[in-house]
C-alpha atoms as a PDB file:
ATOM      1  CA  MET A   1     161.555 108.692 215.808  1.00  0.00           C
ATOM      2  CA  ARG A   2     165.253 108.802 217.593  1.00  0.00           C
ATOM      3  CA  ALA A   3     168.297 110.143 217.402  1.00  0.00           C
ATOM      4  CA  LEU A   4     171.489 109.579 219.222  1.00  0.00           C
ATOM      5  CA  VAL A   5     173.739 112.590 219.128  1.00  0.00           C
ATOM      6  CA  GLN A   6     177.456 112.138 220.091  1.00  0.00           C
ATOM      7  CA  ARG A   7     179.485 115.525 220.294  1.00  0.00           C
ATOM      8  CA  VAL A   8     182.637 114.163 218.170  1.00  0.00           C
ATOM      9  CA  SER A   9     186.614 115.557 217.320  1.00  0.00           C
ATOM     10  CA  GLN A  10     185.793 113.854 214.103  1.00  0.00           C
ATOM     11  CA  ALA A  11     183.011 110.805 212.381  1.00  0.00           C
ATOM     12  CA  SER A  12     183.638 108.419 209.467  1.00  0.00           C
ATOM     13  CA  VAL A  13     182.099 106.334 207.903  1.00  0.00           C
ATOM     14  CA  ARG A  14     183.062 103.881 205.538  1.00  0.00           C
ATOM     15  CA  VAL A  15     180.689 101.472 202.769  1.00  0.00           C
ATOM     16  CA  ASP A  16     183.255  98.556 201.352  1.00  0.00           C
ATOM     17  CA  GLY A  17     186.570 100.005 202.624  1.00  0.00           C
ATOM     18  CA  HIS A  18     185.462 103.442 201.628  1.00  0.00           C
ATOM     19  CA  VAL A  19     184.887 106.585 202.754  1.00  0.00           C
ATOM     20  CA  VAL A  20     181.740 107.582 202.308  1.00  0.00           C
ATOM     21  CA  GLY A  21     181.078 110.385 204.739  1.00  0.00           C
ATOM     22  CA  ALA A  22     183.537 112.322 206.980  1.00  0.00           C
ATOM     23  CA  ILE A  23     183.087 115.772 209.814  1.00  0.00           C
ATOM     24  CA  GLY A  24     185.915 117.415 211.632  1.00  0.00           C
ATOM     25  CA  GLN A  25     184.240 119.107 215.050  1.00  0.00           C
ATOM     26  CA  GLY A  26     180.524 118.627 214.992  1.00  0.00           C
ATOM     27  CA  VAL A  27     178.083 115.413 215.818  1.00  0.00           C
ATOM     28  CA  ALA A  28     177.733 112.036 215.084  1.00  0.00           C
ATOM     29  CA  VAL A  29     173.772 111.237 214.725  1.00  0.00           C
ATOM     30  CA  LEU A  30     172.922 107.702 214.556  1.00  0.00           C
ATOM     31  CA  VAL A  31     168.690 107.716 213.410  1.00  0.00           C
ATOM     32  CA  GLY A  32     166.216 105.438 214.555  1.00  0.00           C
ATOM     33  CA  VAL A  33     162.185 105.347 213.075  1.00  0.00           C
ATOM     34  CA  THR A  34     159.149 103.612 214.178  1.00  0.00           C
ATOM     35  CA  HIS A  35     156.225 103.446 212.562  1.00  0.00           C
ATOM     36  CA  GLY A  36     153.617 106.728 212.682  1.00  0.00           C
ATOM     37  CA  ASP A  37     157.039 109.187 212.267  1.00  0.00           C
ATOM     38  CA  THR A  38     156.570 112.223 209.793  1.00  0.00           C
ATOM     39  CA  ALA A  39     158.709 114.628 208.541  1.00  0.00           C
ATOM     40  CA  LYS A  40     157.277 116.656 211.292  1.00  0.00           C
ATOM     41  CA  GLU A  41     159.363 114.102 213.623  1.00  0.00           C
ATOM     42  CA  SER A  42     162.441 114.911 211.154  1.00  0.00           C
ATOM     43  CA  GLU A  43     162.216 118.820 211.546  1.00  0.00           C
ATOM     44  CA  TRP A  44     161.796 118.517 214.960  1.00  0.00           C
ATOM     45  CA  LEU A  45     165.075 116.454 216.051  1.00  0.00           C
ATOM     46  CA  ALA A  46     166.558 119.114 212.842  1.00  0.00           C
ATOM     47  CA  ARG A  47     165.617 122.084 214.836  1.00  0.00           C
ATOM     48  CA  LYS A  48     166.679 120.154 218.192  1.00  0.00           C
ATOM     49  CA  ILE A  49     170.057 118.675 217.118  1.00  0.00           C
ATOM     50  CA  ALA A  50     171.250 122.209 215.739  1.00  0.00           C
ATOM     51  CA  GLY A  51     170.566 123.791 218.792  1.00  0.00           C
ATOM     52  CA  LEU A  52     171.530 121.823 221.191  1.00  0.00           C
ATOM     53  CA  ARG A  53     174.045 123.285 223.306  1.00  0.00           C
ATOM     54  CA  ILE A  54     176.729 120.534 224.181  1.00  0.00           C
ATOM     55  CA  PHE A  55     179.602 122.620 222.851  1.00  0.00           C
ATOM     56  CA  GLU A  56     182.027 124.050 225.968  1.00  0.00           C
ATOM     57  CA  ASP A  57     182.324 128.236 225.659  1.00  0.00           C
ATOM     58  CA  ARG A  58     184.885 130.098 226.871  1.00  0.00           C
ATOM     59  CA  GLU A  59     184.683 128.474 230.739  1.00  0.00           C
ATOM     60  CA  GLY A  60     184.481 125.112 229.709  1.00  0.00           C
ATOM     61  CA  LYS A  61     180.694 125.131 230.149  1.00  0.00           C
ATOM     62  CA  MET A  62     178.867 123.285 227.785  1.00  0.00           C
ATOM     63  CA  ASN A  63     176.936 125.916 226.331  1.00  0.00           C
ATOM     64  CA  VAL A  64     177.699 126.457 222.664  1.00  0.00           C
ATOM     65  CA  GLY A  65     175.626 124.888 219.812  1.00  0.00           C
ATOM     66  CA  LEU A  66     175.998 123.091 216.588  1.00  0.00           C
ATOM     67  CA  VAL A  67     175.430 126.309 214.770  1.00  0.00           C
ATOM     68  CA  GLU A  68     177.728 128.629 217.035  1.00  0.00           C
ATOM     69  CA  VAL A  69     180.463 125.905 217.114  1.00  0.00           C
ATOM     70  CA  GLY A  70     180.238 125.772 213.290  1.00  0.00           C
ATOM     71  CA  GLY A  71     180.485 122.207 213.818  1.00  0.00           C
ATOM     72  CA  GLN A  72     179.171 119.307 210.773  1.00  0.00           C
ATOM     73  CA  ALA A  73     176.901 116.434 211.001  1.00  0.00           C
ATOM     74  CA  LEU A  74     177.054 112.831 210.500  1.00  0.00           C
ATOM     75  CA  VAL A  75     174.132 111.110 209.739  1.00  0.00           C
ATOM     76  CA  VAL A  76     173.455 107.877 209.816  1.00  0.00           C
ATOM     77  CA  SER A  77     170.525 105.486 210.277  1.00  0.00           C
ATOM     78  CA  GLN A  78     170.868 103.035 212.224  1.00  0.00           C
ATOM     79  CA  PHE A  79     166.999 100.728 212.473  1.00  0.00           C
ATOM     80  CA  THR A  80     168.200  99.091 215.350  1.00  0.00           C
ATOM     81  CA  LEU A  81     167.717 102.254 217.870  1.00  0.00           C
ATOM     82  CA  TYR A  82     164.497 100.413 218.038  1.00  0.00           C
ATOM     83  CA  ALA A  83     165.118  97.301 219.491  1.00  0.00           C
ATOM     84  CA  ASN A  84     163.448  95.542 222.028  1.00  0.00           C
ATOM     85  CA  ALA A  85     165.481  93.120 223.902  1.00  0.00           C
ATOM     86  CA  SER A  86     162.849  92.948 227.245  1.00  0.00           C
ATOM     87  CA  LYS A  87     162.429  89.463 225.828  1.00  0.00           C
ATOM     88  CA  GLY A  88     164.474  86.790 225.831  1.00  0.00           C
ATOM     89  CA  ARG A  89     167.859  86.754 224.026  1.00  0.00           C
ATOM     90  CA  ARG A  90     167.666  88.040 220.660  1.00  0.00           C
ATOM     91  CA  PRO A  91     165.847  91.255 220.321  1.00  0.00           C
ATOM     92  CA  SER A  92     162.686  92.595 217.646  1.00  0.00           C
ATOM     93  CA  PHE A  93     163.145  94.953 215.568  1.00  0.00           C
ATOM     94  CA  VAL A  94     159.232  95.555 215.053  1.00  0.00           C
ATOM     95  CA  ASP A  95     158.920  98.816 215.973  1.00  0.00           C
ATOM     96  CA  ALA A  96     161.362  99.709 213.851  1.00  0.00           C
ATOM     97  CA  ALA A  97     160.051 101.025 210.647  1.00  0.00           C
ATOM     98  CA  PRO A  98     160.426  99.555 207.174  1.00  0.00           C
ATOM     99  CA  PRO A  99     162.930 101.535 205.086  1.00  0.00           C
ATOM    100  CA  GLU A 100     160.665 102.844 202.247  1.00  0.00           C
ATOM    101  CA  VAL A 101     158.946 104.481 205.453  1.00  0.00           C
ATOM    102  CA  ALA A 102     162.238 105.323 207.007  1.00  0.00           C
ATOM    103  CA  GLU A 103     164.825 106.024 204.616  1.00  0.00           C
ATOM    104  CA  PRO A 104     162.749 109.479 203.209  1.00  0.00           C
ATOM    105  CA  LEU A 105     162.783 110.430 206.588  1.00  0.00           C
ATOM    106  CA  VAL A 106     166.093 110.335 207.423  1.00  0.00           C
ATOM    107  CA  GLU A 107     167.127 111.859 204.403  1.00  0.00           C
ATOM    108  CA  ALA A 108     164.475 115.095 205.549  1.00  0.00           C
ATOM    109  CA  LEU A 109     166.183 115.114 208.867  1.00  0.00           C
ATOM    110  CA  ALA A 110     169.791 115.776 207.042  1.00  0.00           C
ATOM    111  CA  ASP A 111     167.926 118.130 204.589  1.00  0.00           C
ATOM    112  CA  ALA A 112     166.437 120.153 207.743  1.00  0.00           C
ATOM    113  CA  LEU A 113     169.904 120.312 208.980  1.00  0.00           C
ATOM    114  CA  ARG A 114     171.291 121.708 205.660  1.00  0.00           C
ATOM    115  CA  GLY A 115     168.638 124.401 206.110  1.00  0.00           C
ATOM    116  CA  TYR A 116     169.866 125.175 209.651  1.00  0.00           C
ATOM    117  CA  ARG A 117     173.205 125.574 207.688  1.00  0.00           C
ATOM    118  CA  VAL A 118     175.374 122.478 209.543  1.00  0.00           C
ATOM    119  CA  PRO A 119     177.501 120.857 206.287  1.00  0.00           C
ATOM    120  CA  VAL A 120     176.140 117.327 206.758  1.00  0.00           C
ATOM    121  CA  GLU A 121     177.371 114.066 205.636  1.00  0.00           C
ATOM    122  CA  GLU A 122     175.628 111.084 205.589  1.00  0.00           C
ATOM    123  CA  GLY A 123     175.931 107.193 205.616  1.00  0.00           C
ATOM    124  CA  VAL A 124     174.244 104.673 202.924  1.00  0.00           C
ATOM    125  CA  PHE A 125     171.136 103.782 204.157  1.00  0.00           C
ATOM    126  CA  GLY A 126     170.637 100.175 204.394  1.00  0.00           C
ATOM    127  CA  ALA A 127     173.955  99.287 203.727  1.00  0.00           C
ATOM    128  CA  THR A 128     176.186  97.568 206.157  1.00  0.00           C
ATOM    129  CA  MET A 129     178.329 100.810 207.441  1.00  0.00           C
ATOM    130  CA  MET A 130     181.729 100.853 209.803  1.00  0.00           C
ATOM    131  CA  VAL A 131     181.251 103.716 211.434  1.00  0.00           C
ATOM    132  CA  GLU A 132     184.195 105.363 212.959  1.00  0.00           C
ATOM    133  CA  ILE A 133     183.530 108.433 215.743  1.00  0.00           C
ATOM    134  CA  TYR A 134     185.670 110.053 218.456  1.00  0.00           C
ATOM    135  CA  ASN A 135     183.269 111.094 221.123  1.00  0.00           C
ATOM    136  CA  GLU A 136     184.415 113.549 222.867  1.00  0.00           C
ATOM    137  CA  GLY A 137     183.640 114.185 226.332  1.00  0.00           C
ATOM    138  CA  PRO A 138     182.624 111.762 225.638  1.00  0.00           C
ATOM    139  CA  VAL A 139     178.831 113.346 225.498  1.00  0.00           C
ATOM    140  CA  THR A 140     176.428 111.123 224.304  1.00  0.00           C
ATOM    141  CA  ILE A 141     171.993 112.497 224.302  1.00  0.00           C
ATOM    142  CA  LEU A 142     168.955 110.606 223.122  1.00  0.00           C
ATOM    143  CA  LEU A 143     167.011 113.032 221.636  1.00  0.00           C
ATOM    144  CA  GLU A 144     163.126 111.062 220.712  1.00  0.00           C
ATOM    145  CA  ARG A 145     160.234 112.588 219.407  1.00  0.00           C
END
């Protein structure tokens, strides 16, 4: 399981022109699921994201976690995180888990974040989404389990 975590001042996701999720300060989390992933990976990522010290303290150092700043999370499924573009020009997505496996694990990640008292908004699994991210810093971290 992979999560691309971006520190944001705000982020939103639209489906068919309608906002389905929006947050202020916090993290945008783009999530990819691969074969063999389980709820253990979802829980590990949630714990890591909730505690990741990527927000600035009073001295301007990245030393504060998402929960401590009262931040929110926008969780968006993104199977393309498992693209393999090592051969040719068309990426292969065979490493991405099928929707029936991936969807419950992305939802488990969102639920686990809520368990850490993080307000969570979500995209729509399988939909074509327009994601607007105001990456602050920029700070972008790839987590993998």
